[in-house]
Every structure is written in C-alpha cells, then in structure tokens.
N, C-alpha and C. Protein backbone atom coordinates (compact mmCIF):
# COMPACT_ATOMS: atom_id res chain seq x y z
N UNK A 1 142.14 111.31 122.34
CA UNK A 1 141.25 112.43 122.25
C UNK A 1 141.84 113.53 121.34
N UNK A 2 143.17 113.71 121.41
CA UNK A 2 143.85 114.70 120.57
C UNK A 2 143.58 114.41 119.10
N UNK A 3 143.75 113.16 118.70
CA UNK A 3 143.59 112.79 117.30
C UNK A 3 142.13 112.92 116.86
N UNK A 4 141.20 112.63 117.74
CA UNK A 4 139.79 112.77 117.41
C UNK A 4 139.43 114.23 117.15
N UNK A 5 139.88 115.14 118.02
CA UNK A 5 139.62 116.56 117.82
C UNK A 5 140.29 117.07 116.55
N UNK A 6 141.53 116.66 116.34
CA UNK A 6 142.28 117.10 115.16
C UNK A 6 141.61 116.59 113.88
N UNK A 7 141.27 115.32 113.84
CA UNK A 7 140.64 114.74 112.65
C UNK A 7 139.28 115.37 112.39
N UNK A 8 138.50 115.62 113.42
CA UNK A 8 137.19 116.24 113.24
C UNK A 8 137.34 117.66 112.71
N UNK A 9 138.29 118.41 113.26
CA UNK A 9 138.52 119.77 112.77
C UNK A 9 138.97 119.79 111.32
N UNK A 10 139.86 118.89 110.96
CA UNK A 10 140.33 118.83 109.58
C UNK A 10 139.22 118.37 108.63
N UNK A 11 138.38 117.45 109.10
CA UNK A 11 137.25 116.99 108.29
C UNK A 11 136.27 118.14 108.03
N UNK A 12 135.95 118.90 109.06
CA UNK A 12 135.06 120.05 108.87
C UNK A 12 135.68 121.07 107.91
N UNK A 13 136.97 121.29 108.03
CA UNK A 13 137.67 122.21 107.12
C UNK A 13 137.56 121.72 105.68
N UNK A 14 137.75 120.41 105.49
CA UNK A 14 137.65 119.83 104.14
C UNK A 14 136.23 119.95 103.59
N UNK A 15 135.23 119.77 104.46
CA UNK A 15 133.84 119.87 104.01
C UNK A 15 133.53 121.28 103.52
N UNK A 16 134.14 122.27 104.14
CA UNK A 16 133.88 123.66 103.75
C UNK A 16 134.65 124.03 102.49
N UNK A 17 135.89 123.61 102.36
CA UNK A 17 136.74 124.12 101.28
C UNK A 17 136.72 123.28 100.00
N UNK A 18 136.69 121.98 100.09
CA UNK A 18 136.83 121.14 98.90
C UNK A 18 135.68 121.31 97.91
N UNK A 19 134.40 121.23 98.33
CA UNK A 19 133.33 121.40 97.32
C UNK A 19 133.36 122.76 96.63
N UNK A 20 133.64 123.82 97.38
CA UNK A 20 133.70 125.16 96.78
C UNK A 20 134.85 125.24 95.78
N UNK A 21 136.00 124.67 96.13
CA UNK A 21 137.14 124.67 95.21
C UNK A 21 136.85 123.86 93.95
N UNK A 22 136.18 122.73 94.12
CA UNK A 22 135.83 121.90 92.95
C UNK A 22 134.84 122.63 92.05
N UNK A 23 133.87 123.30 92.66
CA UNK A 23 132.88 124.05 91.87
C UNK A 23 133.56 125.17 91.09
N UNK A 24 134.45 125.89 91.74
CA UNK A 24 135.17 126.99 91.09
C UNK A 24 136.09 126.45 89.98
N UNK A 25 136.73 125.33 90.25
CA UNK A 25 137.61 124.72 89.25
C UNK A 25 136.82 124.29 88.02
N UNK A 26 135.64 123.72 88.24
CA UNK A 26 134.80 123.29 87.12
C UNK A 26 134.36 124.51 86.29
N UNK A 27 133.98 125.60 86.96
CA UNK A 27 133.56 126.81 86.25
C UNK A 27 134.72 127.38 85.43
N UNK A 28 135.93 127.39 86.01
CA UNK A 28 137.09 127.90 85.28
C UNK A 28 137.44 127.01 84.10
N UNK A 29 137.30 125.69 84.26
CA UNK A 29 137.59 124.77 83.15
C UNK A 29 136.59 125.00 82.00
N UNK A 30 135.33 125.24 82.33
CA UNK A 30 134.34 125.53 81.29
C UNK A 30 134.64 126.85 80.59
N UNK A 31 135.04 127.86 81.37
CA UNK A 31 135.42 129.14 80.77
C UNK A 31 136.62 128.98 79.85
N UNK A 32 137.60 128.20 80.27
CA UNK A 32 138.79 127.97 79.46
C UNK A 32 138.44 127.27 78.16
N UNK A 33 137.59 126.26 78.22
CA UNK A 33 137.19 125.53 77.01
C UNK A 33 136.43 126.46 76.06
N UNK A 34 135.52 127.29 76.59
CA UNK A 34 134.78 128.24 75.76
C UNK A 34 135.73 129.26 75.14
N UNK A 35 136.70 129.74 75.91
CA UNK A 35 137.67 130.70 75.39
C UNK A 35 138.51 130.07 74.28
N UNK A 36 138.87 128.81 74.43
CA UNK A 36 139.64 128.12 73.38
C UNK A 36 138.83 127.99 72.09
N UNK A 37 137.53 127.65 72.22
CA UNK A 37 136.68 127.54 71.03
C UNK A 37 136.56 128.89 70.33
N UNK A 38 136.36 129.94 71.10
CA UNK A 38 136.23 131.27 70.51
C UNK A 38 137.54 131.71 69.88
N UNK A 39 138.66 131.39 70.53
CA UNK A 39 139.97 131.73 69.98
C UNK A 39 140.19 131.01 68.66
N UNK A 40 139.80 129.74 68.59
CA UNK A 40 139.94 129.00 67.33
C UNK A 40 139.09 129.64 66.24
N UNK A 41 137.88 130.07 66.58
CA UNK A 41 137.02 130.75 65.61
C UNK A 41 137.63 132.06 65.14
N UNK A 42 138.20 132.81 66.08
CA UNK A 42 138.85 134.08 65.71
C UNK A 42 140.07 133.85 64.84
N UNK A 43 140.84 132.81 65.13
CA UNK A 43 142.02 132.51 64.31
C UNK A 43 141.62 132.13 62.89
N UNK A 44 140.55 131.33 62.75
CA UNK A 44 140.12 130.95 61.40
C UNK A 44 139.56 132.17 60.66
N UNK A 45 138.83 133.04 61.37
CA UNK A 45 138.33 134.27 60.74
C UNK A 45 139.48 135.16 60.32
N UNK A 46 140.49 135.28 61.17
CA UNK A 46 141.66 136.09 60.84
C UNK A 46 142.37 135.54 59.61
N UNK A 47 142.52 134.23 59.53
CA UNK A 47 143.16 133.61 58.37
C UNK A 47 142.35 133.88 57.10
N UNK A 48 141.03 133.76 57.21
CA UNK A 48 140.16 134.00 56.06
C UNK A 48 140.26 135.46 55.61
N UNK A 49 140.26 136.39 56.56
CA UNK A 49 140.36 137.81 56.21
C UNK A 49 141.73 138.14 55.61
N UNK A 50 142.78 137.48 56.08
CA UNK A 50 144.11 137.68 55.49
C UNK A 50 144.12 137.21 54.04
N UNK A 51 143.49 136.06 53.79
CA UNK A 51 143.42 135.56 52.41
C UNK A 51 142.60 136.50 51.52
N UNK A 52 141.51 137.04 52.07
CA UNK A 52 140.71 137.99 51.30
C UNK A 52 141.48 139.27 51.00
N UNK A 53 142.27 139.72 51.97
CA UNK A 53 143.08 140.93 51.75
C UNK A 53 144.07 140.70 50.61
N UNK A 54 144.73 139.53 50.64
CA UNK A 54 145.66 139.21 49.55
C UNK A 54 144.94 139.14 48.21
N UNK A 55 143.71 138.56 48.22
CA UNK A 55 142.94 138.44 46.98
C UNK A 55 142.51 139.82 46.48
N UNK A 56 142.14 140.71 47.37
CA UNK A 56 141.74 142.05 46.95
C UNK A 56 142.90 142.82 46.33
N UNK A 57 144.10 142.56 46.82
CA UNK A 57 145.27 143.25 46.30
C UNK A 57 145.74 142.70 44.96
N UNK A 58 145.52 141.39 44.73
CA UNK A 58 146.13 140.81 43.53
C UNK A 58 145.20 140.03 42.62
N UNK A 59 143.95 139.85 42.97
CA UNK A 59 143.05 139.03 42.15
C UNK A 59 141.90 139.90 41.62
N UNK A 60 141.94 140.26 40.33
CA UNK A 60 140.88 141.13 39.79
C UNK A 60 139.51 140.46 39.79
N UNK A 61 139.46 139.14 39.70
CA UNK A 61 138.16 138.45 39.69
C UNK A 61 137.50 138.53 41.07
N UNK A 62 138.30 138.40 42.12
CA UNK A 62 137.75 138.52 43.47
C UNK A 62 137.30 139.96 43.72
N UNK A 63 138.09 140.93 43.25
CA UNK A 63 137.72 142.33 43.41
C UNK A 63 136.40 142.61 42.71
N UNK A 64 136.22 142.05 41.53
CA UNK A 64 134.96 142.23 40.81
C UNK A 64 133.80 141.58 41.56
N UNK A 65 134.03 140.40 42.13
CA UNK A 65 132.97 139.73 42.90
C UNK A 65 132.56 140.56 44.11
N UNK A 66 133.54 141.17 44.77
CA UNK A 66 133.22 142.03 45.92
C UNK A 66 132.44 143.25 45.46
N UNK A 67 132.87 143.87 44.36
CA UNK A 67 132.15 145.05 43.84
C UNK A 67 130.72 144.69 43.46
N UNK A 68 130.54 143.57 42.81
CA UNK A 68 129.20 143.16 42.40
C UNK A 68 128.32 142.85 43.62
N UNK A 69 128.89 142.23 44.64
CA UNK A 69 128.10 141.84 45.80
C UNK A 69 127.81 143.01 46.72
N UNK A 70 128.83 143.74 47.08
CA UNK A 70 128.68 144.81 48.07
C UNK A 70 128.11 146.10 47.49
N UNK A 71 128.60 146.49 46.32
CA UNK A 71 128.22 147.78 45.76
C UNK A 71 127.22 147.66 44.61
N UNK A 72 126.74 146.45 44.35
CA UNK A 72 125.76 146.20 43.28
C UNK A 72 126.26 146.70 41.92
N UNK A 73 127.54 146.49 41.69
CA UNK A 73 128.18 146.92 40.44
C UNK A 73 127.71 146.04 39.30
N UNK A 74 127.41 146.67 38.18
CA UNK A 74 127.12 145.94 36.94
C UNK A 74 127.89 146.61 35.81
N UNK A 75 128.28 145.83 34.85
CA UNK A 75 128.97 146.38 33.68
C UNK A 75 127.95 147.03 32.76
N UNK A 76 128.42 147.92 31.93
CA UNK A 76 127.49 148.56 31.00
C UNK A 76 126.81 147.50 30.11
N UNK A 77 125.50 147.57 30.04
CA UNK A 77 124.74 146.64 29.22
C UNK A 77 124.22 145.45 30.00
N UNK A 78 124.70 145.23 31.22
CA UNK A 78 124.21 144.10 32.03
C UNK A 78 122.98 144.54 32.80
N UNK A 79 122.13 143.58 33.09
CA UNK A 79 120.97 143.84 33.93
C UNK A 79 121.06 142.96 35.17
N UNK A 80 120.74 143.54 36.33
CA UNK A 80 120.81 142.80 37.58
C UNK A 80 119.51 142.03 37.79
N UNK A 81 119.63 140.77 38.07
CA UNK A 81 118.47 139.93 38.36
C UNK A 81 118.64 139.44 39.79
N UNK A 82 117.71 139.78 40.66
CA UNK A 82 117.81 139.38 42.08
C UNK A 82 117.20 137.99 42.26
N UNK A 83 117.98 137.13 42.88
CA UNK A 83 117.52 135.76 43.11
C UNK A 83 117.71 135.35 44.56
N UNK A 84 117.57 136.25 45.47
CA UNK A 84 117.80 135.93 46.88
C UNK A 84 119.20 136.39 47.26
N UNK A 85 120.01 135.47 47.74
CA UNK A 85 121.39 135.80 48.11
C UNK A 85 122.24 135.98 46.86
N UNK A 86 123.09 137.00 46.83
CA UNK A 86 124.01 137.15 45.70
C UNK A 86 124.95 135.95 45.62
N UNK A 87 125.43 135.69 44.43
CA UNK A 87 126.28 134.51 44.21
C UNK A 87 127.57 134.57 45.01
N UNK A 88 128.16 135.74 45.16
CA UNK A 88 129.43 135.86 45.85
C UNK A 88 129.31 136.24 47.31
N UNK A 89 128.09 136.17 47.87
CA UNK A 89 127.89 136.63 49.25
C UNK A 89 128.75 135.85 50.23
N UNK A 90 128.89 134.57 50.02
CA UNK A 90 129.69 133.75 50.94
C UNK A 90 131.17 134.14 50.88
N UNK A 91 131.60 134.67 49.73
CA UNK A 91 132.99 135.06 49.59
C UNK A 91 133.33 136.33 50.35
N UNK A 92 132.39 137.26 50.42
CA UNK A 92 132.74 138.57 50.94
C UNK A 92 132.18 138.88 52.33
N UNK A 93 131.23 138.13 52.80
CA UNK A 93 130.66 138.39 54.13
C UNK A 93 131.60 137.87 55.21
N UNK A 94 131.73 138.63 56.27
CA UNK A 94 132.59 138.24 57.38
C UNK A 94 131.74 137.48 58.40
N UNK A 95 132.17 136.27 58.78
CA UNK A 95 131.38 135.52 59.76
C UNK A 95 131.42 136.19 61.13
N UNK A 96 130.35 136.02 61.86
CA UNK A 96 130.26 136.60 63.20
C UNK A 96 130.81 135.58 64.20
N UNK A 97 131.72 136.03 65.04
CA UNK A 97 132.30 135.17 66.06
C UNK A 97 131.83 135.67 67.41
N UNK A 98 131.39 134.74 68.26
CA UNK A 98 130.88 135.11 69.57
C UNK A 98 131.98 135.75 70.41
N UNK A 99 131.60 136.73 71.19
CA UNK A 99 132.58 137.34 72.09
C UNK A 99 132.65 136.51 73.37
N UNK A 100 133.74 136.65 74.09
CA UNK A 100 133.94 135.86 75.30
C UNK A 100 133.73 136.73 76.53
N UNK A 101 132.82 136.30 77.36
CA UNK A 101 132.60 136.92 78.66
C UNK A 101 132.68 135.80 79.68
N UNK A 102 133.64 135.88 80.61
CA UNK A 102 133.77 134.79 81.58
C UNK A 102 132.49 134.63 82.38
N UNK A 103 132.11 133.38 82.57
CA UNK A 103 130.93 133.09 83.39
C UNK A 103 131.31 133.12 84.85
N UNK A 104 130.67 133.94 85.60
CA UNK A 104 130.96 134.02 87.03
C UNK A 104 130.34 132.85 87.76
N UNK A 105 131.00 132.40 88.79
CA UNK A 105 130.44 131.34 89.61
C UNK A 105 129.22 131.91 90.34
N UNK A 106 128.18 131.08 90.43
CA UNK A 106 126.98 131.58 91.08
C UNK A 106 127.28 131.93 92.54
N UNK A 107 126.74 133.04 92.95
CA UNK A 107 126.97 133.55 94.30
C UNK A 107 126.14 132.73 95.28
N UNK A 108 126.77 132.35 96.39
CA UNK A 108 126.05 131.60 97.41
C UNK A 108 125.10 132.52 98.16
N UNK A 109 124.01 131.93 98.63
CA UNK A 109 123.06 132.70 99.41
C UNK A 109 123.59 132.88 100.82
N UNK A 110 123.05 133.87 101.51
CA UNK A 110 123.53 134.23 102.84
C UNK A 110 123.50 133.06 103.83
N UNK A 111 122.42 132.28 103.93
CA UNK A 111 122.44 131.16 104.89
C UNK A 111 123.55 130.15 104.61
N UNK A 112 123.82 129.91 103.33
CA UNK A 112 124.89 128.97 102.97
C UNK A 112 126.24 129.53 103.37
N UNK A 113 126.45 130.82 103.12
CA UNK A 113 127.73 131.43 103.51
C UNK A 113 127.91 131.44 105.02
N UNK A 114 126.83 131.72 105.76
CA UNK A 114 126.91 131.70 107.22
C UNK A 114 127.24 130.30 107.72
N UNK A 115 126.60 129.29 107.12
CA UNK A 115 126.87 127.91 107.52
C UNK A 115 128.33 127.54 107.22
N UNK A 116 128.83 127.97 106.06
CA UNK A 116 130.23 127.67 105.72
C UNK A 116 131.18 128.33 106.71
N UNK A 117 130.92 129.58 107.06
CA UNK A 117 131.79 130.26 108.01
C UNK A 117 131.69 129.64 109.40
N UNK A 118 130.49 129.18 109.77
CA UNK A 118 130.34 128.52 111.07
C UNK A 118 131.12 127.22 111.10
N UNK A 119 131.04 126.44 110.03
CA UNK A 119 131.81 125.19 109.97
C UNK A 119 133.31 125.47 109.97
N UNK A 120 133.71 126.51 109.26
CA UNK A 120 135.12 126.87 109.23
C UNK A 120 135.60 127.27 110.63
N UNK A 121 134.79 128.08 111.32
CA UNK A 121 135.16 128.49 112.69
C UNK A 121 135.21 127.29 113.62
N UNK A 122 134.26 126.37 113.45
CA UNK A 122 134.26 125.17 114.30
C UNK A 122 135.50 124.33 114.04
N UNK A 123 135.90 124.24 112.78
CA UNK A 123 137.10 123.44 112.47
C UNK A 123 138.34 124.08 113.07
N UNK A 124 138.44 125.40 113.01
CA UNK A 124 139.58 126.09 113.60
C UNK A 124 139.60 125.89 115.11
N UNK A 125 138.43 125.99 115.75
CA UNK A 125 138.35 125.79 117.20
C UNK A 125 138.72 124.37 117.60
N UNK A 126 138.28 123.40 116.82
CA UNK A 126 138.61 122.00 117.15
C UNK A 126 140.11 121.74 117.03
N UNK A 127 140.71 122.22 115.95
CA UNK A 127 142.15 122.00 115.77
C UNK A 127 142.93 122.76 116.84
N UNK A 128 142.54 124.00 117.10
CA UNK A 128 143.23 124.77 118.14
C UNK A 128 143.02 124.13 119.50
N UNK A 129 141.80 123.67 119.76
CA UNK A 129 141.52 123.00 121.04
C UNK A 129 142.35 121.75 121.22
N UNK A 130 142.54 121.01 120.14
CA UNK A 130 143.35 119.79 120.24
C UNK A 130 144.77 120.13 120.67
N UNK A 131 145.31 121.18 120.10
CA UNK A 131 146.68 121.54 120.44
C UNK A 131 146.77 122.22 121.80
N UNK A 132 145.76 123.00 122.17
CA UNK A 132 145.80 123.70 123.45
C UNK A 132 145.56 122.75 124.61
N UNK A 133 144.54 121.91 124.49
CA UNK A 133 144.17 121.03 125.59
C UNK A 133 145.18 119.91 125.82
N UNK A 134 145.82 119.48 124.77
CA UNK A 134 146.72 118.33 124.92
C UNK A 134 148.18 118.70 124.78
N UNK A 135 148.48 119.97 124.88
CA UNK A 135 149.87 120.40 124.88
C UNK A 135 150.39 120.32 126.30
N UNK A 136 151.52 119.67 126.44
CA UNK A 136 152.13 119.55 127.77
C UNK A 136 153.41 120.35 127.76
N UNK A 137 153.33 121.63 128.13
CA UNK A 137 154.55 122.44 128.09
C UNK A 137 155.54 121.98 129.15
N UNK A 138 156.76 122.07 128.79
CA UNK A 138 157.79 121.68 129.76
C UNK A 138 157.98 122.83 130.74
N UNK A 139 157.90 122.52 131.99
CA UNK A 139 158.10 123.55 133.02
C UNK A 139 159.56 123.53 133.42
N UNK A 140 159.94 124.57 134.10
CA UNK A 140 161.34 124.63 134.52
C UNK A 140 161.65 123.51 135.49
N UNK A 141 160.66 123.11 136.28
CA UNK A 141 160.88 122.03 137.24
C UNK A 141 161.16 120.72 136.52
N UNK A 142 160.39 120.42 135.48
CA UNK A 142 160.61 119.17 134.79
C UNK A 142 161.92 119.21 134.00
N UNK A 143 162.33 120.39 133.55
CA UNK A 143 163.62 120.50 132.85
C UNK A 143 164.78 120.23 133.81
N UNK A 144 164.63 120.75 135.06
CA UNK A 144 165.68 120.49 136.03
C UNK A 144 165.76 119.02 136.37
N UNK A 145 164.59 118.35 136.49
CA UNK A 145 164.60 116.91 136.78
C UNK A 145 165.25 116.13 135.66
N UNK A 146 164.93 116.54 134.41
CA UNK A 146 165.49 115.86 133.25
C UNK A 146 167.01 116.08 133.19
N UNK A 147 167.45 117.29 133.53
CA UNK A 147 168.89 117.58 133.53
C UNK A 147 169.60 116.80 134.61
N UNK A 148 168.95 116.66 135.80
CA UNK A 148 169.55 115.90 136.90
C UNK A 148 169.62 114.41 136.57
N UNK A 149 168.65 113.92 135.81
CA UNK A 149 168.65 112.49 135.47
C UNK A 149 169.74 112.17 134.46
N UNK A 150 170.12 113.15 133.67
CA UNK A 150 171.16 112.91 132.67
C UNK A 150 172.53 112.87 133.31
N UNK A 151 172.72 113.55 134.40
CA UNK A 151 174.07 113.61 135.00
C UNK A 151 174.42 112.40 135.72
C-alpha cells in the first residue's frame, strides 16, 4: 500500500510539472533560435556598415555614389534622369533588421491553473500520507527489547 500511494503521488506530480516544463522549454528554444537569427542579421549588417565606413573614408567613387543617391548630387552640365530606383541605392541603403522581443508563454486560464494546483496538492497529500501512515516509529519499549536481545 505504501508503494501504491507513493507511486500515485509521484505520478500526479509528474502530470502537473512535466508538460508545463516541456511547453516552457519549447518556447525558450524558439526564442533562442529567433534571437540567433536576428543576431546573425545584426552581425552581417554591422559588417556591411563597417565596410561602407571604410569605403567612405578612402574610396572617392563610393563617396560619389552616396552623394548622387542620397543628396541627388549632379556634376555641372549633367542632367538627372529618374528611372525608378537610383543605381547606387543598394549600395547606400541600410537593411532593416527585425528587433527581438521574447515571446511569452501563453498564460493558462484559471480553471486549468486550479486543476493543476489541485493535482499538485493531491500528489503532496498522497506522498505525505504514504510516509505518515506507513511509518513505524521506534518506541522506547521496542528499543529496550532490541537492546536486551543484543546482550
């Protein structure tokens, strides 16, 4: 009977805790994967911006492309012809990288939380009951008998 109460209490405890832990673990794994993708995007954007900074400091052709694209610069005697996207737009535009906001685990509804707490309380009572009902404390009388039998 002790083992039945103990096993039932532990089973109820597992029913309450394992699915919730697995659900939370899955949500955290998805958040981690999304954060890694965003981090990779930010690293590539950072590398691209570093290369552009170096080009702006030392490459007059890139500087001219930026001036023509961003500030609509034309040399004296040139005429600007608009054809949709400027030719150097891909060179000077900064790509947009999604920001990271952790996805919260969906909140359980009140009846589900009450049921979980009831199962948890039942599991605690079963395990405690197993130990309380089947505990045989040694009394002083039985200790004296045991001591007398040893002599």
